[in-house]
């Protein structure tokens, strides 16, 4: 077994036995991995709040060759989304990021650009709050399709086409200010989500709960 440390973004956790967790986490240098965090649900866990979804951490873990699950020892929180999860729509948007990433990312394949995409959208939501939910979700879906290589032609209104083209050129925070609501770029977003679902061969469940 090799002991490693990596910058990582926590995607999802699943309970295991009475006190353990299975953790799906996306590392900057080794791609998406899964590991067992023993005693992670205990009050004095060595992981603290570091396994909250979309926490940006330095993960310390043991890698086993020819085994599906690594052994997680501890993590150091580099930044946490804790302060922005209190708003329902923002929390659902973060759930969409984790759901899409969990299904789009192949195991064990580093993807620096996708790693930076997740952090950029999460950090934008931390600043913009509820007002930034729809541009964040649209931007993330667009770039997920672009980086995944399955961004195909779409039937868009002129306004939706302008938004999409600008998103491919600019950072989220540099987009032209506009009053975003559910109807803004809805056609663009709907087609992007459909493309992601077709690529993953499964339906994404989170966006239906976004108000």
N, C-alpha and C. Protein backbone atom coordinates (compact mmCIF):
# COMPACT_ATOMS: atom_id res chain seq x y z
N UNK A 1 0.84 -1.20 0.00
CA UNK A 1 0.00 0.00 0.00
C UNK A 1 0.87 1.25 0.00
N UNK A 2 0.51 2.23 -0.84
CA UNK A 2 1.24 3.48 -0.95
C UNK A 2 0.48 4.59 -0.23
N UNK A 3 1.18 5.34 0.62
CA UNK A 3 0.54 6.46 1.33
C UNK A 3 0.71 7.73 0.51
N UNK A 4 -0.40 8.44 0.26
CA UNK A 4 -0.41 9.59 -0.63
C UNK A 4 -1.16 10.75 0.01
N UNK A 5 -0.96 11.94 -0.56
CA UNK A 5 -1.79 13.09 -0.22
C UNK A 5 -2.10 13.83 -1.52
N UNK A 6 -3.33 14.31 -1.64
CA UNK A 6 -3.76 14.99 -2.86
C UNK A 6 -4.73 16.11 -2.52
N UNK A 7 -4.67 17.19 -3.31
CA UNK A 7 -5.77 18.14 -3.28
C UNK A 7 -7.00 17.43 -3.83
N UNK A 8 -8.13 17.62 -3.20
CA UNK A 8 -9.32 16.87 -3.62
C UNK A 8 -10.59 17.68 -3.35
N UNK A 9 -11.61 17.36 -4.13
CA UNK A 9 -12.95 17.89 -3.91
C UNK A 9 -13.85 16.71 -3.56
N UNK A 10 -14.49 16.79 -2.41
CA UNK A 10 -15.38 15.71 -1.98
C UNK A 10 -16.66 15.78 -2.81
N UNK A 11 -17.04 14.65 -3.40
CA UNK A 11 -18.25 14.61 -4.21
C UNK A 11 -19.43 14.07 -3.40
N UNK A 12 -19.31 12.86 -2.92
CA UNK A 12 -20.42 12.25 -2.18
C UNK A 12 -19.90 11.31 -1.11
N UNK A 13 -20.74 11.07 -0.12
CA UNK A 13 -20.42 10.08 0.91
C UNK A 13 -21.59 9.12 1.06
N UNK A 14 -21.27 7.89 1.46
CA UNK A 14 -22.28 6.86 1.65
C UNK A 14 -21.99 6.15 2.98
N UNK A 15 -22.99 5.96 3.81
CA UNK A 15 -22.74 5.30 5.10
C UNK A 15 -22.28 3.86 4.93
N UNK A 16 -21.39 3.43 5.80
CA UNK A 16 -20.88 2.07 5.80
C UNK A 16 -20.78 1.62 7.25
N UNK A 17 -21.43 0.54 7.57
CA UNK A 17 -21.46 0.01 8.95
C UNK A 17 -21.99 1.09 9.89
N UNK A 18 -21.56 1.08 11.12
CA UNK A 18 -22.13 2.00 12.11
C UNK A 18 -21.48 3.37 12.11
N UNK A 19 -20.19 3.45 11.80
CA UNK A 19 -19.50 4.72 11.97
C UNK A 19 -18.66 5.14 10.78
N UNK A 20 -18.58 4.31 9.75
CA UNK A 20 -17.69 4.59 8.63
C UNK A 20 -18.45 5.23 7.47
N UNK A 21 -17.68 5.77 6.53
CA UNK A 21 -18.24 6.33 5.30
C UNK A 21 -17.44 5.85 4.10
N UNK A 22 -18.13 5.59 3.01
CA UNK A 22 -17.47 5.48 1.72
C UNK A 22 -17.50 6.86 1.09
N UNK A 23 -16.36 7.35 0.64
CA UNK A 23 -16.23 8.71 0.13
C UNK A 23 -15.82 8.67 -1.34
N UNK A 24 -16.59 9.36 -2.16
CA UNK A 24 -16.20 9.58 -3.55
C UNK A 24 -15.57 10.96 -3.62
N UNK A 25 -14.32 11.04 -4.07
CA UNK A 25 -13.61 12.31 -4.07
C UNK A 25 -12.79 12.45 -5.35
N UNK A 26 -12.69 13.67 -5.82
CA UNK A 26 -12.04 13.96 -7.10
C UNK A 26 -10.72 14.65 -6.81
N UNK A 27 -9.61 13.96 -7.06
CA UNK A 27 -8.29 14.53 -6.78
C UNK A 27 -7.74 15.25 -8.00
N UNK A 28 -6.93 16.24 -7.72
CA UNK A 28 -6.33 17.00 -8.82
C UNK A 28 -5.34 16.17 -9.62
N UNK A 29 -4.61 15.27 -8.95
CA UNK A 29 -3.53 14.55 -9.62
C UNK A 29 -3.85 13.11 -10.00
N UNK A 30 -4.91 12.52 -9.41
CA UNK A 30 -5.19 11.11 -9.68
C UNK A 30 -6.63 10.87 -10.15
N UNK A 31 -7.40 11.94 -10.34
CA UNK A 31 -8.77 11.79 -10.81
C UNK A 31 -9.73 11.37 -9.71
N UNK A 32 -10.86 10.81 -10.10
CA UNK A 32 -11.90 10.43 -9.14
C UNK A 32 -11.55 9.10 -8.48
N UNK A 33 -11.61 9.08 -7.17
CA UNK A 33 -11.28 7.90 -6.38
C UNK A 33 -12.39 7.65 -5.37
N UNK A 34 -12.36 6.48 -4.78
CA UNK A 34 -13.25 6.14 -3.67
C UNK A 34 -12.44 5.53 -2.54
N UNK A 35 -12.82 5.86 -1.33
CA UNK A 35 -12.11 5.32 -0.19
C UNK A 35 -13.01 5.17 1.01
N UNK A 36 -12.54 4.43 2.00
CA UNK A 36 -13.27 4.22 3.25
C UNK A 36 -12.68 5.12 4.32
N UNK A 37 -13.53 5.95 4.91
CA UNK A 37 -13.13 6.81 6.03
C UNK A 37 -13.66 6.18 7.31
N UNK A 38 -12.79 5.50 8.02
CA UNK A 38 -13.22 4.81 9.23
C UNK A 38 -13.47 5.80 10.37
N UNK A 39 -14.52 5.54 11.12
CA UNK A 39 -14.94 6.35 12.26
C UNK A 39 -15.30 7.79 11.85
N UNK A 40 -15.60 8.00 10.57
CA UNK A 40 -15.88 9.36 10.10
C UNK A 40 -17.15 9.94 10.69
N UNK A 41 -18.06 9.09 11.16
CA UNK A 41 -19.30 9.58 11.75
C UNK A 41 -19.25 9.66 13.27
N UNK A 42 -18.08 9.42 13.83
CA UNK A 42 -17.89 9.55 15.26
C UNK A 42 -17.67 11.03 15.62
N UNK A 43 -18.03 11.44 16.86
CA UNK A 43 -17.86 12.85 17.26
C UNK A 43 -16.43 13.36 17.13
N UNK A 44 -15.45 12.53 17.41
CA UNK A 44 -14.06 12.96 17.34
C UNK A 44 -13.37 12.38 16.10
N UNK A 45 -14.05 12.46 15.00
CA UNK A 45 -13.50 11.94 13.75
C UNK A 45 -12.27 12.71 13.32
N UNK A 46 -11.27 12.05 12.76
CA UNK A 46 -10.09 12.76 12.23
C UNK A 46 -10.41 13.59 10.98
N UNK A 47 -11.64 13.45 10.46
CA UNK A 47 -12.02 14.18 9.26
C UNK A 47 -12.80 15.46 9.58
N UNK A 48 -13.30 15.58 10.80
CA UNK A 48 -14.07 16.77 11.15
C UNK A 48 -15.20 17.00 10.17
N UNK A 49 -15.31 18.26 9.70
CA UNK A 49 -16.34 18.62 8.70
C UNK A 49 -15.80 18.54 7.28
N UNK A 50 -14.64 17.93 7.12
CA UNK A 50 -13.97 17.95 5.82
C UNK A 50 -14.60 17.08 4.75
N UNK A 51 -15.54 16.21 5.13
CA UNK A 51 -16.16 15.33 4.15
C UNK A 51 -17.52 15.84 3.68
N UNK A 52 -17.83 17.08 4.00
CA UNK A 52 -19.04 17.67 3.45
C UNK A 52 -18.90 17.80 1.94
N UNK A 53 -19.98 17.57 1.20
CA UNK A 53 -19.88 17.58 -0.26
C UNK A 53 -19.40 18.94 -0.77
N UNK A 54 -18.50 18.86 -1.73
CA UNK A 54 -17.82 19.99 -2.37
C UNK A 54 -16.83 20.71 -1.45
N UNK A 55 -16.45 20.07 -0.35
CA UNK A 55 -15.33 20.61 0.42
C UNK A 55 -14.05 20.43 -0.40
N UNK A 56 -13.21 21.45 -0.37
CA UNK A 56 -11.91 21.42 -1.04
C UNK A 56 -10.88 21.12 0.03
N UNK A 57 -10.23 19.97 -0.06
CA UNK A 57 -9.39 19.49 1.03
C UNK A 57 -8.06 18.97 0.50
N UNK A 58 -7.15 18.76 1.44
CA UNK A 58 -5.98 17.93 1.15
C UNK A 58 -6.26 16.59 1.84
N UNK A 59 -6.40 15.57 1.01
CA UNK A 59 -6.76 14.24 1.51
C UNK A 59 -5.51 13.40 1.71
N UNK A 60 -5.43 12.73 2.86
CA UNK A 60 -4.34 11.81 3.15
C UNK A 60 -4.91 10.40 3.14
N UNK A 61 -4.35 9.54 2.29
CA UNK A 61 -4.97 8.25 2.07
C UNK A 61 -3.95 7.19 1.67
N UNK A 62 -4.33 5.96 1.85
CA UNK A 62 -3.51 4.84 1.41
C UNK A 62 -4.12 4.21 0.18
N UNK A 63 -3.31 4.08 -0.86
CA UNK A 63 -3.79 3.53 -2.13
C UNK A 63 -3.41 2.07 -2.25
N UNK A 64 -4.42 1.25 -2.54
CA UNK A 64 -4.21 -0.18 -2.68
C UNK A 64 -4.27 -0.56 -4.16
N UNK A 65 -3.24 -1.17 -4.66
CA UNK A 65 -3.28 -1.67 -6.03
C UNK A 65 -4.30 -2.80 -6.13
N UNK A 66 -5.06 -2.79 -7.22
CA UNK A 66 -6.03 -3.84 -7.50
C UNK A 66 -7.16 -3.91 -6.48
N UNK A 67 -7.39 -2.80 -5.76
CA UNK A 67 -8.55 -2.74 -4.87
C UNK A 67 -9.37 -1.50 -5.20
N UNK A 68 -10.69 -1.64 -5.14
CA UNK A 68 -11.57 -0.54 -5.54
C UNK A 68 -11.54 0.62 -4.56
N UNK A 69 -11.40 0.32 -3.27
CA UNK A 69 -11.49 1.35 -2.25
C UNK A 69 -10.14 1.60 -1.58
N UNK A 70 -9.77 2.87 -1.49
CA UNK A 70 -8.58 3.25 -0.74
C UNK A 70 -8.93 3.38 0.75
N UNK A 71 -7.92 3.61 1.56
CA UNK A 71 -8.11 3.86 2.99
C UNK A 71 -7.84 5.33 3.27
N UNK A 72 -8.83 6.05 3.74
CA UNK A 72 -8.67 7.47 4.05
C UNK A 72 -8.25 7.63 5.50
N UNK A 73 -7.20 8.44 5.72
CA UNK A 73 -6.68 8.64 7.07
C UNK A 73 -7.20 9.92 7.70
N UNK A 74 -7.15 11.01 6.96
CA UNK A 74 -7.60 12.30 7.49
C UNK A 74 -7.65 13.28 6.32
N UNK A 75 -8.16 14.48 6.58
CA UNK A 75 -8.12 15.52 5.56
C UNK A 75 -7.96 16.88 6.21
N UNK A 76 -7.33 17.76 5.46
CA UNK A 76 -7.13 19.15 5.89
C UNK A 76 -8.03 20.02 5.02
N UNK A 77 -8.93 20.79 5.64
CA UNK A 77 -9.86 21.62 4.88
C UNK A 77 -9.12 22.83 4.30
N UNK A 78 -9.18 22.97 2.99
CA UNK A 78 -8.61 24.15 2.33
C UNK A 78 -9.68 25.23 2.15
N UNK A 79 -10.90 24.82 1.82
CA UNK A 79 -12.05 25.73 1.84
C UNK A 79 -13.30 24.88 1.85
N UNK A 80 -14.36 25.41 2.46
CA UNK A 80 -15.58 24.65 2.65
C UNK A 80 -16.78 25.43 2.15
N UNK A 81 -17.81 24.75 1.59
CA UNK A 81 -19.02 25.43 1.15
C UNK A 81 -20.02 25.62 2.28
N UNK A 82 -19.62 25.38 3.52
CA UNK A 82 -20.57 25.37 4.64
C UNK A 82 -21.39 26.64 4.72
N UNK A 83 -20.76 27.79 4.49
CA UNK A 83 -21.45 29.07 4.67
C UNK A 83 -22.52 29.34 3.62
N UNK A 84 -22.52 28.62 2.51
CA UNK A 84 -23.48 28.93 1.44
C UNK A 84 -24.56 27.87 1.29
N UNK A 85 -24.52 26.82 2.11
CA UNK A 85 -25.49 25.75 1.94
C UNK A 85 -26.80 26.03 2.67
N UNK A 86 -26.89 27.13 3.40
CA UNK A 86 -28.11 27.42 4.15
C UNK A 86 -29.25 27.88 3.23
N UNK A 87 -28.93 28.40 2.04
CA UNK A 87 -29.97 28.80 1.11
C UNK A 87 -30.37 27.60 0.25
N UNK A 88 -31.66 27.31 0.19
CA UNK A 88 -32.14 26.09 -0.46
C UNK A 88 -31.69 25.99 -1.92
N UNK A 89 -31.92 27.05 -2.72
CA UNK A 89 -31.59 26.98 -4.15
C UNK A 89 -30.09 26.80 -4.38
N UNK A 90 -29.28 27.46 -3.56
CA UNK A 90 -27.83 27.30 -3.67
C UNK A 90 -27.43 25.86 -3.34
N UNK A 91 -28.05 25.32 -2.30
CA UNK A 91 -27.75 23.94 -1.91
C UNK A 91 -28.12 22.96 -3.02
N UNK A 92 -29.26 23.18 -3.68
CA UNK A 92 -29.66 22.31 -4.79
C UNK A 92 -28.68 22.45 -5.96
N UNK A 93 -28.24 23.68 -6.24
CA UNK A 93 -27.26 23.89 -7.30
C UNK A 93 -25.97 23.13 -7.01
N UNK A 94 -25.53 23.14 -5.76
CA UNK A 94 -24.34 22.38 -5.38
C UNK A 94 -24.58 20.88 -5.54
N UNK A 95 -25.79 20.43 -5.22
CA UNK A 95 -26.12 19.02 -5.43
C UNK A 95 -26.03 18.65 -6.90
N UNK A 96 -26.45 19.57 -7.78
CA UNK A 96 -26.35 19.31 -9.22
C UNK A 96 -24.89 19.15 -9.64
N UNK A 97 -24.02 20.01 -9.11
CA UNK A 97 -22.59 19.89 -9.43
C UNK A 97 -22.06 18.52 -9.04
N UNK A 98 -22.41 18.05 -7.84
CA UNK A 98 -21.89 16.77 -7.38
C UNK A 98 -22.51 15.61 -8.15
N UNK A 99 -23.82 15.70 -8.43
CA UNK A 99 -24.47 14.62 -9.17
C UNK A 99 -23.89 14.47 -10.57
N UNK A 100 -23.78 15.58 -11.29
CA UNK A 100 -23.24 15.52 -12.65
C UNK A 100 -21.78 15.05 -12.64
N UNK A 101 -20.99 15.58 -11.72
CA UNK A 101 -19.58 15.21 -11.66
C UNK A 101 -19.40 13.73 -11.33
N UNK A 102 -20.20 13.24 -10.41
CA UNK A 102 -20.10 11.84 -10.01
C UNK A 102 -20.31 10.91 -11.21
N UNK A 103 -21.22 11.27 -12.11
CA UNK A 103 -21.54 10.40 -13.23
C UNK A 103 -20.68 10.68 -14.47
N UNK A 104 -20.19 11.91 -14.61
CA UNK A 104 -19.41 12.26 -15.78
C UNK A 104 -17.95 11.85 -15.67
N UNK A 105 -17.40 11.88 -14.48
CA UNK A 105 -15.97 11.65 -14.32
C UNK A 105 -15.64 10.16 -14.26
N UNK A 106 -14.79 9.69 -15.15
CA UNK A 106 -14.34 8.30 -15.05
C UNK A 106 -13.38 8.13 -13.89
N UNK A 107 -13.31 6.94 -13.36
CA UNK A 107 -12.44 6.69 -12.21
C UNK A 107 -10.98 6.74 -12.63
N UNK A 108 -10.18 7.39 -11.78
CA UNK A 108 -8.73 7.33 -11.93
C UNK A 108 -8.15 8.08 -13.11
N UNK A 109 -8.90 9.07 -13.66
CA UNK A 109 -8.39 9.85 -14.78
C UNK A 109 -8.31 11.33 -14.38
N UNK A 110 -7.11 11.88 -14.19
CA UNK A 110 -6.99 13.30 -13.82
C UNK A 110 -7.58 14.20 -14.89
N UNK A 111 -8.19 15.29 -14.45
CA UNK A 111 -8.78 16.26 -15.37
C UNK A 111 -8.67 17.63 -14.71
N UNK A 112 -7.54 18.28 -14.93
CA UNK A 112 -7.25 19.56 -14.28
C UNK A 112 -8.30 20.61 -14.60
N UNK A 113 -8.74 20.68 -15.85
CA UNK A 113 -9.71 21.72 -16.24
C UNK A 113 -11.05 21.50 -15.55
N UNK A 114 -11.48 20.26 -15.43
CA UNK A 114 -12.75 19.99 -14.76
C UNK A 114 -12.62 20.27 -13.26
N UNK A 115 -11.48 19.97 -12.70
CA UNK A 115 -11.22 20.26 -11.29
C UNK A 115 -11.36 21.76 -11.04
N UNK A 116 -10.75 22.56 -11.91
CA UNK A 116 -10.85 24.02 -11.76
C UNK A 116 -12.26 24.53 -12.02
N UNK A 117 -12.99 23.84 -12.91
CA UNK A 117 -14.38 24.23 -13.18
C UNK A 117 -15.24 24.09 -11.93
N UNK A 118 -15.14 22.97 -11.26
CA UNK A 118 -15.94 22.76 -10.05
C UNK A 118 -15.63 23.84 -9.01
N UNK A 119 -14.35 24.09 -8.79
CA UNK A 119 -13.97 25.10 -7.80
C UNK A 119 -14.46 26.49 -8.21
N UNK A 120 -14.35 26.83 -9.48
CA UNK A 120 -14.75 28.15 -9.95
C UNK A 120 -16.25 28.37 -9.75
N UNK A 121 -17.06 27.37 -10.07
CA UNK A 121 -18.51 27.52 -9.94
C UNK A 121 -18.91 27.56 -8.46
N UNK A 122 -18.28 26.71 -7.66
CA UNK A 122 -18.58 26.72 -6.23
C UNK A 122 -18.21 28.06 -5.60
N UNK A 123 -17.04 28.59 -5.96
CA UNK A 123 -16.60 29.86 -5.40
C UNK A 123 -17.49 31.02 -5.87
N UNK A 124 -17.96 30.93 -7.10
CA UNK A 124 -18.87 31.95 -7.61
C UNK A 124 -20.17 31.96 -6.80
N UNK A 125 -20.71 30.78 -6.51
CA UNK A 125 -21.93 30.69 -5.72
C UNK A 125 -21.72 31.23 -4.31
N UNK A 126 -20.51 31.05 -3.78
CA UNK A 126 -20.22 31.58 -2.45
C UNK A 126 -20.31 33.10 -2.42
N UNK A 127 -20.00 33.73 -3.55
CA UNK A 127 -20.07 35.19 -3.64
C UNK A 127 -21.44 35.68 -4.08
N UNK A 128 -21.99 35.05 -5.10
CA UNK A 128 -23.24 35.52 -5.70
C UNK A 128 -24.47 35.07 -4.94
N UNK A 129 -24.40 33.95 -4.24
CA UNK A 129 -25.55 33.45 -3.50
C UNK A 129 -26.68 33.04 -4.43
N UNK A 130 -27.92 33.20 -3.95
CA UNK A 130 -29.10 32.75 -4.70
C UNK A 130 -29.22 33.43 -6.05
N UNK A 131 -28.76 34.68 -6.16
CA UNK A 131 -28.84 35.40 -7.43
C UNK A 131 -27.97 34.76 -8.51
N UNK A 132 -27.01 33.96 -8.10
CA UNK A 132 -26.10 33.36 -9.07
C UNK A 132 -26.41 31.93 -9.44
N UNK A 133 -27.52 31.39 -8.93
CA UNK A 133 -27.82 29.97 -9.13
C UNK A 133 -27.97 29.62 -10.61
N UNK A 134 -28.83 30.36 -11.34
CA UNK A 134 -29.09 29.98 -12.73
C UNK A 134 -27.88 30.18 -13.65
N UNK A 135 -27.14 31.29 -13.55
CA UNK A 135 -25.93 31.36 -14.38
C UNK A 135 -24.91 30.30 -14.00
N UNK A 136 -24.80 29.98 -12.72
CA UNK A 136 -23.83 28.97 -12.29
C UNK A 136 -24.18 27.60 -12.85
N UNK A 137 -25.45 27.21 -12.77
CA UNK A 137 -25.89 25.91 -13.27
C UNK A 137 -25.71 25.83 -14.79
N UNK A 138 -26.07 26.90 -15.49
CA UNK A 138 -25.95 26.93 -16.94
C UNK A 138 -24.49 26.84 -17.37
N UNK A 139 -23.65 27.63 -16.73
CA UNK A 139 -22.21 27.65 -17.03
C UNK A 139 -21.58 26.29 -16.78
N UNK A 140 -21.94 25.69 -15.66
CA UNK A 140 -21.36 24.39 -15.32
C UNK A 140 -21.79 23.32 -16.33
N UNK A 141 -23.07 23.32 -16.70
CA UNK A 141 -23.55 22.34 -17.67
C UNK A 141 -22.88 22.53 -19.02
N UNK A 142 -22.73 23.79 -19.44
CA UNK A 142 -22.10 24.08 -20.73
C UNK A 142 -20.66 23.61 -20.77
N UNK A 143 -19.91 23.96 -19.73
CA UNK A 143 -18.51 23.58 -19.72
C UNK A 143 -18.29 22.09 -19.47
N UNK A 144 -19.21 21.46 -18.75
CA UNK A 144 -19.12 20.01 -18.58
C UNK A 144 -19.25 19.31 -19.93
N UNK A 145 -20.19 19.78 -20.75
CA UNK A 145 -20.36 19.21 -22.08
C UNK A 145 -19.16 19.52 -22.96
N UNK A 146 -18.64 20.73 -22.85
CA UNK A 146 -17.48 21.13 -23.66
C UNK A 146 -16.25 20.30 -23.30
N UNK A 147 -15.97 20.17 -22.01
CA UNK A 147 -14.79 19.42 -21.58
C UNK A 147 -14.96 17.93 -21.82
N UNK A 148 -16.22 17.46 -21.79
CA UNK A 148 -16.47 16.05 -22.03
C UNK A 148 -16.46 15.68 -23.49
N UNK A 149 -16.42 16.68 -24.38
CA UNK A 149 -16.35 16.41 -25.81
C UNK A 149 -17.67 16.04 -26.45
N UNK A 150 -18.80 16.37 -25.77
CA UNK A 150 -20.09 16.02 -26.36
C UNK A 150 -21.00 17.25 -26.50
N UNK A 151 -20.39 18.43 -26.66
CA UNK A 151 -21.16 19.65 -26.89
C UNK A 151 -21.49 19.73 -28.38
N UNK A 152 -22.72 19.39 -28.72
CA UNK A 152 -23.12 19.36 -30.12
C UNK A 152 -23.99 20.56 -30.49
N UNK A 153 -24.48 20.61 -31.74
CA UNK A 153 -25.35 21.70 -32.17
C UNK A 153 -26.66 21.70 -31.41
N UNK A 154 -27.19 22.90 -31.16
CA UNK A 154 -28.44 23.04 -30.42
C UNK A 154 -29.34 24.07 -31.10
N UNK A 155 -30.63 23.92 -30.90
CA UNK A 155 -31.59 24.90 -31.40
C UNK A 155 -31.84 25.93 -30.30
N UNK A 156 -31.33 27.15 -30.52
CA UNK A 156 -31.34 28.18 -29.49
C UNK A 156 -31.96 29.47 -30.01
N UNK A 157 -32.51 30.26 -29.09
CA UNK A 157 -32.91 31.61 -29.45
C UNK A 157 -31.66 32.46 -29.59
N UNK A 158 -31.81 33.64 -30.15
CA UNK A 158 -30.66 34.53 -30.31
C UNK A 158 -30.05 34.87 -28.96
N UNK A 159 -30.90 35.14 -27.97
CA UNK A 159 -30.41 35.49 -26.64
C UNK A 159 -29.66 34.32 -26.02
N UNK A 160 -30.20 33.11 -26.15
CA UNK A 160 -29.53 31.93 -25.59
C UNK A 160 -28.19 31.68 -26.27
N UNK A 161 -28.13 31.90 -27.57
CA UNK A 161 -26.88 31.71 -28.29
C UNK A 161 -25.83 32.72 -27.81
N UNK A 162 -26.23 33.96 -27.58
CA UNK A 162 -25.30 34.98 -27.10
C UNK A 162 -24.78 34.62 -25.71
N UNK A 163 -25.69 34.13 -24.85
CA UNK A 163 -25.27 33.74 -23.51
C UNK A 163 -24.27 32.59 -23.58
N UNK A 164 -24.58 31.58 -24.39
CA UNK A 164 -23.68 30.43 -24.51
C UNK A 164 -22.31 30.81 -25.04
N UNK A 165 -22.29 31.64 -26.06
CA UNK A 165 -21.01 32.06 -26.64
C UNK A 165 -20.20 32.87 -25.65
N UNK A 166 -20.87 33.73 -24.90
CA UNK A 166 -20.15 34.52 -23.90
C UNK A 166 -19.59 33.63 -22.79
N UNK A 167 -20.36 32.62 -22.37
CA UNK A 167 -19.90 31.73 -21.31
C UNK A 167 -18.67 30.93 -21.73
N UNK A 168 -18.54 30.65 -23.01
CA UNK A 168 -17.37 29.92 -23.48
C UNK A 168 -16.13 30.80 -23.58
N UNK A 169 -16.32 32.10 -23.45
CA UNK A 169 -15.20 33.04 -23.57
C UNK A 169 -14.82 33.69 -22.23
N UNK A 170 -15.78 33.77 -21.31
CA UNK A 170 -15.58 34.56 -20.09
C UNK A 170 -15.69 33.70 -18.83
N UNK A 171 -15.09 34.20 -17.78
CA UNK A 171 -15.32 33.62 -16.46
C UNK A 171 -16.73 33.98 -15.99
N UNK A 172 -17.26 33.20 -15.07
CA UNK A 172 -18.61 33.44 -14.57
C UNK A 172 -18.77 34.87 -14.05
N UNK A 173 -17.82 35.32 -13.28
CA UNK A 173 -17.94 36.64 -12.65
C UNK A 173 -17.79 37.77 -13.65
N UNK A 174 -17.34 37.47 -14.87
CA UNK A 174 -17.16 38.51 -15.88
C UNK A 174 -18.29 38.57 -16.90
N UNK A 175 -19.33 37.75 -16.72
CA UNK A 175 -20.45 37.76 -17.65
C UNK A 175 -21.19 39.09 -17.61
N UNK A 176 -21.80 39.45 -18.72
CA UNK A 176 -22.60 40.66 -18.78
C UNK A 176 -23.71 40.59 -17.75
N UNK A 177 -23.85 41.59 -16.88
CA UNK A 177 -24.91 41.57 -15.87
C UNK A 177 -26.29 41.49 -16.52
N UNK A 178 -27.15 40.63 -15.97
CA UNK A 178 -28.52 40.52 -16.44
C UNK A 178 -29.37 39.98 -15.29
N UNK A 179 -30.67 40.19 -15.40
CA UNK A 179 -31.59 39.71 -14.38
C UNK A 179 -31.91 38.24 -14.66
N UNK A 180 -31.15 37.34 -14.05
CA UNK A 180 -31.35 35.91 -14.28
C UNK A 180 -32.55 35.40 -13.49
N UNK A 181 -33.37 34.61 -14.17
CA UNK A 181 -34.45 33.89 -13.52
C UNK A 181 -34.58 32.54 -14.20
N UNK A 182 -35.53 31.73 -13.76
CA UNK A 182 -35.66 30.37 -14.29
C UNK A 182 -35.78 30.33 -15.81
N UNK A 183 -36.49 31.31 -16.39
CA UNK A 183 -36.74 31.31 -17.83
C UNK A 183 -35.52 31.74 -18.65
N UNK A 184 -34.54 32.39 -18.00
CA UNK A 184 -33.36 32.87 -18.72
C UNK A 184 -32.52 31.70 -19.21
N UNK A 185 -32.29 31.63 -20.49
CA UNK A 185 -31.49 30.56 -21.11
C UNK A 185 -32.02 29.17 -20.80
N UNK A 186 -33.35 29.07 -20.57
CA UNK A 186 -33.93 27.78 -20.20
C UNK A 186 -33.75 26.75 -21.31
N UNK A 187 -33.90 27.17 -22.56
CA UNK A 187 -33.72 26.23 -23.67
C UNK A 187 -32.29 25.72 -23.77
N UNK A 188 -31.34 26.61 -23.60
CA UNK A 188 -29.93 26.23 -23.60
C UNK A 188 -29.64 25.23 -22.48
N UNK A 189 -30.11 25.55 -21.29
CA UNK A 189 -29.86 24.70 -20.13
C UNK A 189 -30.52 23.33 -20.29
N UNK A 190 -31.73 23.31 -20.79
CA UNK A 190 -32.46 22.06 -20.96
C UNK A 190 -31.73 21.13 -21.94
N UNK A 191 -31.23 21.69 -23.03
CA UNK A 191 -30.52 20.86 -24.02
C UNK A 191 -29.17 20.39 -23.49
N UNK A 192 -28.52 21.21 -22.69
CA UNK A 192 -27.25 20.80 -22.10
C UNK A 192 -27.44 19.66 -21.11
N UNK A 193 -28.47 19.78 -20.27
CA UNK A 193 -28.73 18.72 -19.30
C UNK A 193 -29.10 17.43 -20.02
N UNK A 194 -29.87 17.54 -21.10
CA UNK A 194 -30.22 16.35 -21.87
C UNK A 194 -28.96 15.71 -22.47
N UNK A 195 -28.03 16.54 -22.94
CA UNK A 195 -26.79 16.00 -23.49
C UNK A 195 -25.97 15.28 -22.42
N UNK A 196 -25.95 15.84 -21.21
CA UNK A 196 -25.23 15.19 -20.11
C UNK A 196 -25.89 13.86 -19.77
N UNK A 197 -27.21 13.85 -19.72
CA UNK A 197 -27.93 12.62 -19.39
C UNK A 197 -27.69 11.54 -20.45
N UNK A 198 -27.70 11.94 -21.70
CA UNK A 198 -27.44 10.96 -22.76
C UNK A 198 -26.03 10.42 -22.69
N UNK A 199 -25.09 11.29 -22.35
CA UNK A 199 -23.69 10.86 -22.23
C UNK A 199 -23.53 9.90 -21.05
N UNK A 200 -24.20 10.20 -19.94
CA UNK A 200 -24.11 9.37 -18.73
C UNK A 200 -25.01 8.14 -18.80
N UNK A 201 -25.98 8.19 -19.71
CA UNK A 201 -27.00 7.15 -19.83
C UNK A 201 -27.80 7.00 -18.54
N UNK A 202 -28.16 8.14 -17.96
CA UNK A 202 -29.01 8.13 -16.77
C UNK A 202 -29.60 9.52 -16.58
N UNK A 203 -30.73 9.60 -15.92
CA UNK A 203 -31.38 10.86 -15.68
C UNK A 203 -30.78 11.55 -14.46
N UNK A 204 -30.57 12.85 -14.56
CA UNK A 204 -30.12 13.65 -13.43
C UNK A 204 -31.35 14.11 -12.64
N UNK A 205 -31.31 13.94 -11.33
CA UNK A 205 -32.51 14.14 -10.52
C UNK A 205 -32.58 15.48 -9.81
N UNK A 206 -31.45 16.15 -9.62
CA UNK A 206 -31.44 17.29 -8.70
C UNK A 206 -32.14 18.55 -9.24
N UNK A 207 -32.00 18.86 -10.52
CA UNK A 207 -32.49 20.13 -11.01
C UNK A 207 -34.00 20.28 -10.92
N UNK A 208 -34.73 19.20 -10.84
CA UNK A 208 -36.18 19.30 -10.73
C UNK A 208 -36.60 19.96 -9.43
N UNK A 209 -35.71 20.01 -8.46
CA UNK A 209 -36.03 20.61 -7.17
C UNK A 209 -35.62 22.07 -7.08
N UNK A 210 -35.05 22.60 -8.16
CA UNK A 210 -34.60 23.99 -8.15
C UNK A 210 -35.77 24.89 -8.48
N UNK A 211 -36.04 25.87 -7.59
CA UNK A 211 -37.22 26.72 -7.75
C UNK A 211 -37.07 27.77 -8.80
